[in-house]
């Protein structure tokens, strides 16, 4: 005779309770998840995401770290009487020496390989603003055609923003990282001001660009991802690894806890993080709070960004000198702001090269 509350237990195989080793990709994604770097559909969008492209940015930013590395810098430029006209910026972008063969750059758009940049500047004269993007794939030299890549990217942007875009661009090959400068008119196809979500400017455009490179070159291997992260350990600039470390520390009351008992044994990502924290400690922007524990200085990000800018300036100085066959020791360079230079000393010399900064969040472009 059976009862309704009879309990029959079926025993299964006893599994090992020891933690199994996980691939490096899984470790990286888990760390990004812990640091808040992955986007989930259930999480609400942050406040201030006004403008076109917000939904597209949330969808596109779910690409994993297997996507090729991409740098995208953006700036919204208001049209003011006191500001230099857009035509002057376009002329500068077309300057001599920026192409593969050192010739003058040529503007192109969705259909033409040599578009009229003056006509584009005239169309923008009555607009409130325009957008400037710098897109630099790490694997730009491996792409079959940087122009085709840019056109595909802008076609996807049109779909994301749900408007036809009026844009011109030029590709630059005068640095170690080939890149394109894209100028987008600040007017939608309905005649209204084009307002793009900050999320799309920050994340969406980069995610779309990464997707296009992945489609052509394939996803990065675990070895490539590992090498990329290891390359950031000694970097004298603000890196993606630093951003992940800052997020993880913020989630743990400001402490970056890398003690052996806090991570699984043999976790490759832990070794990379420890190496980076020790490097930041030597740079003076991190402090050891205990064995395997660090805190980041409040000024870590601006300090590292400024250091990265200084190194970029030195590289440009070396290139300018090399073009004239000159060599100078880095120790002989004096880098000061215009205000400091005017207040402290008068400098005599002659101009051998000129570089204009975009001032996009304090960064310069070439």
Protein backbone atom coordinates (compact mmCIF):
# COMPACT_ATOMS: atom_id res chain seq x y z
CA UNK A 1 0.00 0.00 0.00
CA UNK A 2 1.42 3.35 -1.00
CA UNK A 3 0.89 6.74 0.49
CA UNK A 4 0.85 10.10 -1.27
CA UNK A 5 3.74 11.31 0.83
CA UNK A 6 6.06 8.37 0.08
CA UNK A 7 9.50 9.60 -0.93
CA UNK A 8 11.68 7.73 -3.41
CA UNK A 9 15.26 8.94 -3.78
CA UNK A 10 17.22 8.13 -6.90
CA UNK A 11 20.94 8.54 -6.37
CA UNK A 12 23.03 9.87 -9.19
CA UNK A 13 26.74 9.84 -9.79
CA UNK A 14 28.76 11.72 -7.19
CA UNK A 15 30.65 14.57 -8.90
CA UNK A 16 33.88 16.11 -7.76
CA UNK A 17 33.35 19.27 -5.77
CA UNK A 18 36.68 20.66 -6.80
CA UNK A 19 36.52 23.65 -9.09
CA UNK A 20 37.16 22.73 -12.68
CA UNK A 21 39.52 24.83 -14.76
CA UNK A 22 37.80 27.17 -17.16
CA UNK A 23 39.04 28.49 -20.50
CA UNK A 24 40.67 31.90 -20.50
CA UNK A 25 37.68 33.38 -22.39
CA UNK A 26 35.26 32.21 -19.70
CA UNK A 27 37.50 33.71 -17.02
CA UNK A 28 37.64 37.03 -18.87
CA UNK A 29 33.88 37.16 -19.35
CA UNK A 30 33.26 36.25 -15.71
CA UNK A 31 35.57 39.04 -14.61
CA UNK A 32 33.85 41.49 -16.94
CA UNK A 33 30.50 40.39 -15.53
CA UNK A 34 31.74 40.94 -11.98
CA UNK A 35 33.05 44.37 -12.92
CA UNK A 36 29.79 45.36 -14.56
CA UNK A 37 31.20 45.31 -18.08
CA UNK A 38 28.52 43.15 -19.72
CA UNK A 39 25.11 44.40 -20.74
CA UNK A 40 22.00 42.38 -19.93
CA UNK A 41 18.57 42.84 -21.50
CA UNK A 42 16.97 42.89 -18.05
CA UNK A 43 19.01 45.86 -16.91
CA UNK A 44 17.44 49.19 -17.51
CA UNK A 45 19.22 51.83 -19.52
CA UNK A 46 20.93 54.54 -17.55
CA UNK A 47 19.46 58.00 -17.30
CA UNK A 48 20.63 60.55 -19.83
CA UNK A 49 20.47 58.23 -22.85
CA UNK A 50 18.47 60.73 -24.87
CA UNK A 51 18.84 60.66 -28.64
CA UNK A 52 18.97 58.27 -31.57
CA UNK A 53 20.73 54.91 -31.37
CA UNK A 54 20.19 54.07 -27.68
CA UNK A 55 18.52 50.70 -28.35
CA UNK A 56 21.10 49.82 -30.99
CA UNK A 57 23.95 50.61 -28.62
CA UNK A 58 22.54 48.28 -25.97
CA UNK A 59 22.21 45.46 -28.49
CA UNK A 60 25.54 45.98 -30.23
CA UNK A 61 27.55 46.29 -27.03
CA UNK A 62 26.90 42.64 -26.14
CA UNK A 63 29.80 41.55 -28.31
CA UNK A 64 32.25 39.45 -26.32
CA UNK A 65 35.93 40.13 -25.90
CA UNK A 66 36.59 37.91 -28.91
CA UNK A 67 35.84 40.94 -31.09
CA UNK A 68 38.94 42.65 -32.54
CA UNK A 69 40.15 45.69 -30.65
CA UNK A 70 38.88 49.04 -31.86
CA UNK A 71 39.51 52.65 -30.83
CA UNK A 72 36.72 55.14 -31.51
CA UNK A 73 37.01 58.77 -30.44
CA UNK A 74 34.07 61.12 -30.82
CA UNK A 75 33.33 64.79 -30.44
CA UNK A 76 30.23 66.93 -30.91
CA UNK A 77 31.24 70.36 -32.25
CA UNK A 78 28.88 73.30 -31.82
CA UNK A 79 28.97 75.96 -34.53
CA UNK A 80 29.97 79.28 -33.00
CA UNK A 81 31.23 82.50 -34.51
CA UNK A 82 34.38 82.34 -32.40
CA UNK A 83 35.26 78.83 -33.62
CA UNK A 84 37.27 78.08 -36.75
CA UNK A 85 34.97 77.06 -39.62
CA UNK A 86 34.46 73.42 -40.51
CA UNK A 87 36.08 74.04 -43.90
CA UNK A 88 39.39 74.76 -42.16
CA UNK A 89 39.23 71.43 -40.33
CA UNK A 90 38.45 69.58 -43.56
CA UNK A 91 41.39 71.26 -45.27
CA UNK A 92 43.64 70.18 -42.41
CA UNK A 93 42.45 66.57 -42.66
CA UNK A 94 43.37 66.59 -46.36
CA UNK A 95 46.90 67.85 -45.71
CA UNK A 96 49.89 66.40 -47.52
CA UNK A 97 51.55 63.27 -46.21
CA UNK A 98 48.58 61.41 -44.72
CA UNK A 99 48.07 58.73 -47.39
CA UNK A 100 49.94 55.46 -47.85
CA UNK A 101 52.24 57.07 -50.41
CA UNK A 102 52.60 60.37 -48.53
CA UNK A 103 50.28 62.32 -50.81
CA UNK A 104 47.43 64.71 -50.00
CA UNK A 105 44.35 63.06 -48.49
CA UNK A 106 41.15 62.76 -50.52
CA UNK A 107 37.70 62.97 -48.98
CA UNK A 108 35.20 60.25 -49.84
CA UNK A 109 31.58 59.54 -48.95
CA UNK A 110 29.02 56.78 -49.45
CA UNK A 111 29.22 56.93 -53.25
CA UNK A 112 32.22 58.98 -54.39
CA UNK A 113 35.94 58.39 -53.84
CA UNK A 114 36.74 62.09 -54.27
CA UNK A 115 33.85 64.10 -52.88
CA UNK A 116 33.64 67.89 -52.72
CA UNK A 117 34.54 68.79 -49.14
CA UNK A 118 33.76 72.47 -49.74
CA UNK A 119 30.18 71.67 -50.73
CA UNK A 120 29.81 69.56 -47.58
CA UNK A 121 31.06 72.44 -45.42
CA UNK A 122 28.54 74.77 -47.08
CA UNK A 123 25.68 72.37 -46.34
CA UNK A 124 26.69 72.36 -42.69
CA UNK A 125 26.93 76.15 -42.30
CA UNK A 126 23.37 76.64 -41.00
CA UNK A 127 23.44 73.55 -38.75
CA UNK A 128 23.69 73.77 -34.99
CA UNK A 129 26.52 71.24 -34.76
CA UNK A 130 28.35 68.38 -36.43
CA UNK A 131 29.97 65.15 -35.25
CA UNK A 132 33.61 64.11 -35.55
CA UNK A 133 34.58 60.46 -35.21
CA UNK A 134 38.02 58.87 -35.37
CA UNK A 135 37.84 55.12 -36.01
CA UNK A 136 41.02 53.07 -35.69
CA UNK A 137 40.89 49.25 -35.96
CA UNK A 138 43.88 47.48 -34.44
CA UNK A 139 43.94 45.25 -37.52
CA UNK A 140 43.45 48.06 -40.07
CA UNK A 141 46.39 46.90 -42.19
CA UNK A 142 44.82 43.45 -42.53
CA UNK A 143 41.49 44.75 -43.85
CA UNK A 144 41.03 44.42 -47.59
CA UNK A 145 39.84 48.02 -47.96
CA UNK A 146 39.50 50.70 -45.28
CA UNK A 147 37.08 52.67 -47.48
CA UNK A 148 34.70 49.74 -47.83
CA UNK A 149 34.90 49.15 -44.09
CA UNK A 150 33.99 52.81 -43.42
CA UNK A 151 31.08 52.77 -45.87
CA UNK A 152 29.70 49.58 -44.33
CA UNK A 153 30.05 51.12 -40.87
CA UNK A 154 28.16 54.26 -41.87
CA UNK A 155 25.45 52.18 -43.53
CA UNK A 156 24.94 50.33 -40.25
CA UNK A 157 24.94 53.64 -38.37
CA UNK A 158 22.16 54.90 -40.63
CA UNK A 159 20.08 51.86 -39.75
CA UNK A 160 20.77 52.27 -36.04
CA UNK A 161 19.96 55.98 -36.06
CA UNK A 162 17.01 55.55 -38.44
CA UNK A 163 17.96 58.44 -40.67
CA UNK A 164 20.01 59.03 -43.79
CA UNK A 165 23.37 60.51 -42.82
CA UNK A 166 25.28 63.18 -44.71
CA UNK A 167 28.97 62.46 -44.10
CA UNK A 168 32.49 62.69 -45.50
CA UNK A 169 35.65 60.94 -44.40
CA UNK A 170 39.34 60.58 -45.10
CA UNK A 171 41.72 57.75 -44.25
CA UNK A 172 45.08 58.51 -42.63
CA UNK A 173 48.13 56.26 -42.82
CA UNK A 174 50.72 58.61 -41.34
CA UNK A 175 50.85 56.93 -37.92
CA UNK A 176 51.48 53.44 -36.63
CA UNK A 177 47.71 52.94 -36.45
CA UNK A 178 45.84 53.64 -39.72
CA UNK A 179 42.49 55.31 -39.02
CA UNK A 180 39.64 57.25 -40.60
CA UNK A 181 38.24 60.66 -39.71
CA UNK A 182 34.46 60.72 -40.22
CA UNK A 183 32.55 64.03 -40.21
CA UNK A 184 28.75 63.67 -39.88
CA UNK A 185 26.39 66.54 -40.52
CA UNK A 186 24.24 67.42 -37.50
CA UNK A 187 21.00 67.33 -39.45
CA UNK A 188 18.62 64.35 -39.83
CA UNK A 189 16.78 63.59 -43.05
CA UNK A 190 13.59 65.13 -41.61
CA UNK A 191 15.30 68.50 -41.30
CA UNK A 192 15.60 68.36 -37.52
CA UNK A 193 18.81 68.52 -35.49
CA UNK A 194 20.51 65.12 -35.38
CA UNK A 195 20.78 64.09 -31.73
CA UNK A 196 22.70 60.86 -31.10
CA UNK A 197 22.51 58.97 -27.81
CA UNK A 198 25.61 59.22 -25.65
CA UNK A 199 25.59 55.42 -25.35
CA UNK A 200 25.77 55.07 -29.13
CA UNK A 201 28.58 57.60 -29.35
CA UNK A 202 30.49 55.85 -26.55
CA UNK A 203 29.76 52.18 -27.23
CA UNK A 204 27.44 51.56 -30.17
CA UNK A 205 29.67 52.85 -32.95
CA UNK A 206 32.67 50.92 -31.64
CA UNK A 207 30.64 47.73 -31.29
CA UNK A 208 29.41 48.01 -34.89
CA UNK A 209 32.97 48.59 -36.12
CA UNK A 210 34.23 45.59 -34.14
CA UNK A 211 31.48 43.47 -35.67
CA UNK A 212 32.52 44.42 -39.21
CA UNK A 213 36.17 43.55 -38.56
CA UNK A 214 35.13 40.27 -36.95
CA UNK A 215 33.03 39.42 -40.02
CA UNK A 216 36.02 39.90 -42.32
CA UNK A 217 38.94 38.67 -40.20
CA UNK A 218 37.18 36.36 -37.76
CA UNK A 219 37.09 36.52 -33.95
CA UNK A 220 40.26 36.81 -31.94
CA UNK A 221 41.70 33.61 -30.54
CA UNK A 222 42.32 33.05 -26.84
CA UNK A 223 46.03 33.56 -27.48
CA UNK A 224 45.38 36.92 -29.16
CA UNK A 225 43.19 38.06 -26.27
CA UNK A 226 45.81 36.97 -23.77
CA UNK A 227 48.57 38.79 -25.65
CA UNK A 228 46.42 41.91 -25.85
CA UNK A 229 45.81 41.95 -22.10
CA UNK A 230 49.44 41.14 -21.33
CA UNK A 231 50.44 44.05 -23.55
CA UNK A 232 48.47 46.40 -21.30
CA UNK A 233 50.32 45.38 -18.13
CA UNK A 234 53.25 47.77 -18.67
CA UNK A 235 51.34 50.45 -20.62
CA UNK A 236 51.81 54.05 -19.50
CA UNK A 237 48.25 55.07 -20.33
CA UNK A 238 44.67 54.41 -19.26
CA UNK A 239 43.67 51.01 -20.65
CA UNK A 240 40.59 48.82 -20.86
CA UNK A 241 42.20 46.64 -18.21
CA UNK A 242 42.39 49.67 -15.91
CA UNK A 243 38.74 50.40 -16.53
CA UNK A 244 37.82 46.84 -15.54
CA UNK A 245 40.01 47.05 -12.44
CA UNK A 246 38.40 50.34 -11.41
CA UNK A 247 34.91 48.88 -11.79
CA UNK A 248 35.80 45.78 -9.82
CA UNK A 249 37.37 47.86 -7.04
CA UNK A 250 34.32 50.13 -6.89
CA UNK A 251 32.12 47.06 -6.43
CA UNK A 252 34.32 45.94 -3.51
CA UNK A 253 34.39 49.15 -1.43
CA UNK A 254 37.37 50.53 -3.31
CA UNK A 255 39.61 47.49 -2.73
CA UNK A 256 41.08 45.47 -5.59
CA UNK A 257 41.30 42.07 -3.88
CA UNK A 258 43.67 39.71 -5.68
CA UNK A 259 44.59 37.44 -2.77
CA UNK A 260 45.14 33.78 -3.70
CA UNK A 261 42.11 32.65 -1.71
CA UNK A 262 39.94 35.22 -3.50
CA UNK A 263 40.57 33.74 -6.95
CA UNK A 264 40.85 30.21 -8.23
CA UNK A 265 44.33 28.75 -8.43
CA UNK A 266 45.81 29.11 -11.89
CA UNK A 267 43.43 31.90 -12.94
CA UNK A 268 45.34 33.54 -15.81
CA UNK A 269 43.37 36.75 -15.49
CA UNK A 270 44.43 37.09 -11.86
CA UNK A 271 48.09 37.01 -12.86
CA UNK A 272 47.49 39.73 -15.45
CA UNK A 273 45.61 41.89 -12.94
CA UNK A 274 48.33 41.52 -10.30
CA UNK A 275 50.97 42.49 -12.86
CA UNK A 276 49.00 45.58 -13.83
CA UNK A 277 48.37 46.65 -10.22
CA UNK A 278 52.08 46.36 -9.45
CA UNK A 279 52.83 48.51 -12.50
CA UNK A 280 50.25 51.11 -11.41
CA UNK A 281 51.83 51.08 -7.96
CA UNK A 282 55.23 51.92 -9.48
CA UNK A 283 53.58 54.72 -11.45
CA UNK A 284 52.20 56.13 -8.20
CA UNK A 285 48.49 55.73 -9.02
CA UNK A 286 47.85 52.61 -6.90
CA UNK A 287 48.71 51.75 -3.31
CA UNK A 288 48.99 48.36 -1.63
CA UNK A 289 46.39 47.96 1.11
CA UNK A 290 47.48 44.49 2.21
CA UNK A 291 48.83 41.25 0.83
CA UNK A 292 47.33 40.93 -2.64
CA UNK A 293 45.14 44.01 -2.13
CA UNK A 294 45.38 47.44 -3.76
CA UNK A 295 43.49 50.71 -3.97
CA UNK A 296 43.49 53.00 -6.98
CA UNK A 297 44.27 56.69 -6.50
CA UNK A 298 41.37 59.03 -7.15
CA UNK A 299 43.35 60.71 -9.92
CA UNK A 300 44.47 57.45 -11.54
CA UNK A 301 42.47 57.89 -14.75
CA UNK A 302 43.36 61.55 -15.49
CA UNK A 303 46.99 60.92 -14.55
CA UNK A 304 47.31 57.93 -16.88
CA UNK A 305 45.48 59.71 -19.68
CA UNK A 306 47.84 62.68 -19.36
CA UNK A 307 50.82 60.31 -19.37
CA UNK A 308 49.50 58.65 -22.51
CA UNK A 309 49.09 62.03 -24.20
CA UNK A 310 52.66 62.97 -23.30
CA UNK A 311 53.98 59.76 -24.83
CA UNK A 312 51.90 60.39 -27.98
CA UNK A 313 53.36 63.90 -28.28
CA UNK A 314 56.90 62.56 -27.92
CA UNK A 315 56.23 60.00 -30.68
CA UNK A 316 54.96 62.76 -32.97
CA UNK A 317 58.04 64.87 -32.22
CA UNK A 318 60.28 61.93 -33.11
CA UNK A 319 58.39 61.46 -36.40
CA UNK A 320 58.69 65.16 -37.22
CA UNK A 321 62.43 65.14 -36.56
CA UNK A 322 62.91 61.91 -38.51
CA UNK A 323 61.28 63.50 -41.57
CA UNK A 324 64.16 66.01 -41.56
CA UNK A 325 66.80 63.41 -40.76
CA UNK A 326 67.36 64.68 -37.22
CA UNK A 327 67.68 62.82 -33.95
CA UNK A 328 67.22 64.17 -30.46
CA UNK A 329 67.26 62.44 -27.08
CA UNK A 330 63.87 62.33 -25.39
CA UNK A 331 65.45 63.90 -22.31
CA UNK A 332 66.01 67.10 -24.32
CA UNK A 333 62.27 67.60 -24.94
CA UNK A 334 60.45 70.22 -22.89
CA UNK A 335 56.68 69.75 -22.84
CA UNK A 336 54.73 72.55 -21.21
CA UNK A 337 51.33 74.12 -21.67
CA UNK A 338 51.14 77.45 -23.49
CA UNK A 339 50.37 79.23 -20.22
CA UNK A 340 53.36 77.72 -18.43
CA UNK A 341 55.62 78.42 -21.37
CA UNK A 342 54.60 82.09 -21.55
CA UNK A 343 54.90 82.55 -17.79
CA UNK A 344 58.25 80.81 -17.29
CA UNK A 345 60.35 81.33 -20.39
CA UNK A 346 60.61 82.67 -23.90
CA UNK A 347 61.38 80.00 -26.46
CA UNK A 348 63.33 80.71 -29.66
CA UNK A 349 63.45 78.35 -32.60
CA UNK A 350 61.87 77.55 -35.94
CA UNK A 351 58.84 75.47 -36.85
CA UNK A 352 59.51 72.15 -38.57
CA UNK A 353 56.10 70.49 -38.22
CA UNK A 354 52.61 71.37 -37.13
CA UNK A 355 49.98 69.11 -35.54
CA UNK A 356 46.51 70.23 -34.63
CA UNK A 357 44.71 68.71 -31.64
CA UNK A 358 41.04 67.80 -31.86
CA UNK A 359 40.58 68.41 -28.14
CA UNK A 360 38.16 65.50 -28.12
CA UNK A 361 38.24 64.86 -24.40
CA UNK A 362 41.75 66.22 -24.31
CA UNK A 363 43.08 63.95 -27.04
CA UNK A 364 44.92 64.87 -30.19
CA UNK A 365 44.63 63.38 -33.63
CA UNK A 366 47.03 63.16 -36.54
